[in-house]
């Protein structure tokens, strides 16, 4: 599972409102929706904003898969 999907699942499973994330990140509601619905790729900067807004360490969403 990719990082963006993990972030989206976390937000959905914890019941965090998109309006909360908008207020914490400064991103537009349309941008937050596009990211959480995986309609647009999240940038590294946006990932950092999400982690800060959610008070989560980025490593909680990143897993290294061995081949």
C-alpha atoms as a PDB file:
ATOM      1  CA  UNK A   1       0.000   0.000   0.000  1.00  0.00           C
ATOM      2  CA  UNK A   2       1.413   3.387  -0.913  1.00  0.00           C
ATOM      3  CA  UNK A   3       1.951   6.273   1.487  1.00  0.00           C
ATOM      4  CA  UNK A   4      -0.891   8.391   0.139  1.00  0.00           C
ATOM      5  CA  UNK A   5      -3.385   5.538   0.535  1.00  0.00           C
ATOM      6  CA  UNK A   6      -2.179   4.962   4.099  1.00  0.00           C
ATOM      7  CA  UNK A   7      -2.726   8.636   4.926  1.00  0.00           C
ATOM      8  CA  UNK A   8      -6.192   8.554   3.342  1.00  0.00           C
ATOM      9  CA  UNK A   9      -7.120   5.384   5.224  1.00  0.00           C
ATOM     10  CA  UNK A  10      -5.875   6.850   8.500  1.00  0.00           C
ATOM     11  CA  UNK A  11      -7.987   9.977   8.020  1.00  0.00           C
ATOM     12  CA  UNK A  12     -11.055   7.915   7.103  1.00  0.00           C
ATOM     13  CA  UNK A  13     -10.643   5.445   9.962  1.00  0.00           C
ATOM     14  CA  UNK A  14     -10.116   8.097  12.619  1.00  0.00           C
ATOM     15  CA  UNK A  15     -13.005  10.282  11.486  1.00  0.00           C
ATOM     16  CA  UNK A  16     -10.846  13.352  11.006  1.00  0.00           C
ATOM     17  CA  UNK A  17     -12.705  15.945   8.967  1.00  0.00           C
ATOM     18  CA  UNK A  18     -11.228  17.372   5.800  1.00  0.00           C
ATOM     19  CA  UNK A  19     -12.015  20.862   7.143  1.00  0.00           C
ATOM     20  CA  UNK A  20      -9.680  20.163  10.084  1.00  0.00           C
ATOM     21  CA  UNK A  21      -6.867  19.266   7.680  1.00  0.00           C
ATOM     22  CA  UNK A  22      -7.585  22.362   5.572  1.00  0.00           C
ATOM     23  CA  UNK A  23      -7.246  24.535   8.682  1.00  0.00           C
ATOM     24  CA  UNK A  24      -4.001  22.892   9.760  1.00  0.00           C
ATOM     25  CA  UNK A  25      -2.283  22.695   6.359  1.00  0.00           C
ATOM     26  CA  UNK A  26      -3.495  25.776   4.505  1.00  0.00           C
ATOM     27  CA  UNK A  27      -4.229  23.613   1.464  1.00  0.00           C
ATOM     28  CA  UNK A  28      -7.517  24.209  -0.345  1.00  0.00           C
ATOM     29  CA  UNK A  29     -10.506  21.948   0.296  1.00  0.00           C
ATOM     30  CA  UNK A  30     -10.351  20.793  -3.339  1.00  0.00           C
ATOM     31  CA  UNK A  31      -6.693  19.833  -2.975  1.00  0.00           C
ATOM     32  CA  UNK A  32      -7.315  17.934   0.277  1.00  0.00           C
ATOM     33  CA  UNK A  33     -10.212  16.075  -1.351  1.00  0.00           C
ATOM     34  CA  UNK A  34      -8.124  15.174  -4.418  1.00  0.00           C
ATOM     35  CA  UNK A  35      -5.340  13.820  -2.213  1.00  0.00           C
ATOM     36  CA  UNK A  36      -7.590  11.838   0.124  1.00  0.00           C
ATOM     37  CA  UNK A  37      -9.547  10.372  -2.798  1.00  0.00           C
ATOM     38  CA  UNK A  38      -6.270   9.529  -4.580  1.00  0.00           C
ATOM     39  CA  UNK A  39      -7.307  11.519  -7.638  1.00  0.00           C
ATOM     40  CA  UNK A  40      -4.057  13.492  -7.560  1.00  0.00           C
ATOM     41  CA  UNK A  41      -0.635  12.536  -6.265  1.00  0.00           C
ATOM     42  CA  UNK A  42       0.480  14.064  -3.000  1.00  0.00           C
ATOM     43  CA  UNK A  43       3.809  15.903  -3.069  1.00  0.00           C
ATOM     44  CA  UNK A  44       6.489  15.400  -0.446  1.00  0.00           C
ATOM     45  CA  UNK A  45       5.757  18.887   0.910  1.00  0.00           C
ATOM     46  CA  UNK A  46       2.060  18.057   1.176  1.00  0.00           C
ATOM     47  CA  UNK A  47       2.902  14.773   2.920  1.00  0.00           C
ATOM     48  CA  UNK A  48       4.898  16.740   5.468  1.00  0.00           C
ATOM     49  CA  UNK A  49       1.956  19.119   6.002  1.00  0.00           C
ATOM     50  CA  UNK A  50      -0.404  16.177   6.505  1.00  0.00           C
ATOM     51  CA  UNK A  51       1.932  14.564   9.038  1.00  0.00           C
ATOM     52  CA  UNK A  52       2.177  17.796  11.026  1.00  0.00           C
ATOM     53  CA  UNK A  53      -1.598  18.331  10.875  1.00  0.00           C
ATOM     54  CA  UNK A  54      -2.247  14.766  12.018  1.00  0.00           C
ATOM     55  CA  UNK A  55       0.531  14.915  14.622  1.00  0.00           C
ATOM     56  CA  UNK A  56       2.074  11.773  13.154  1.00  0.00           C
ATOM     57  CA  UNK A  57       5.657  10.842  12.418  1.00  0.00           C
ATOM     58  CA  UNK A  58       6.154  10.298   8.669  1.00  0.00           C
ATOM     59  CA  UNK A  59       7.648   6.879   9.404  1.00  0.00           C
ATOM     60  CA  UNK A  60       4.213   5.730  10.583  1.00  0.00           C
ATOM     61  CA  UNK A  61       3.021   5.900   6.975  1.00  0.00           C
ATOM     62  CA  UNK A  62       6.197   4.656   5.265  1.00  0.00           C
ATOM     63  CA  UNK A  63       7.139   1.019   5.026  1.00  0.00           C
ATOM     64  CA  UNK A  64      10.121  -0.358   3.206  1.00  0.00           C
ATOM     65  CA  UNK A  65       9.233  -3.431   1.214  1.00  0.00           C
ATOM     66  CA  UNK A  66      11.960  -5.938   0.638  1.00  0.00           C
ATOM     67  CA  UNK A  67      12.146  -7.710  -2.715  1.00  0.00           C
END
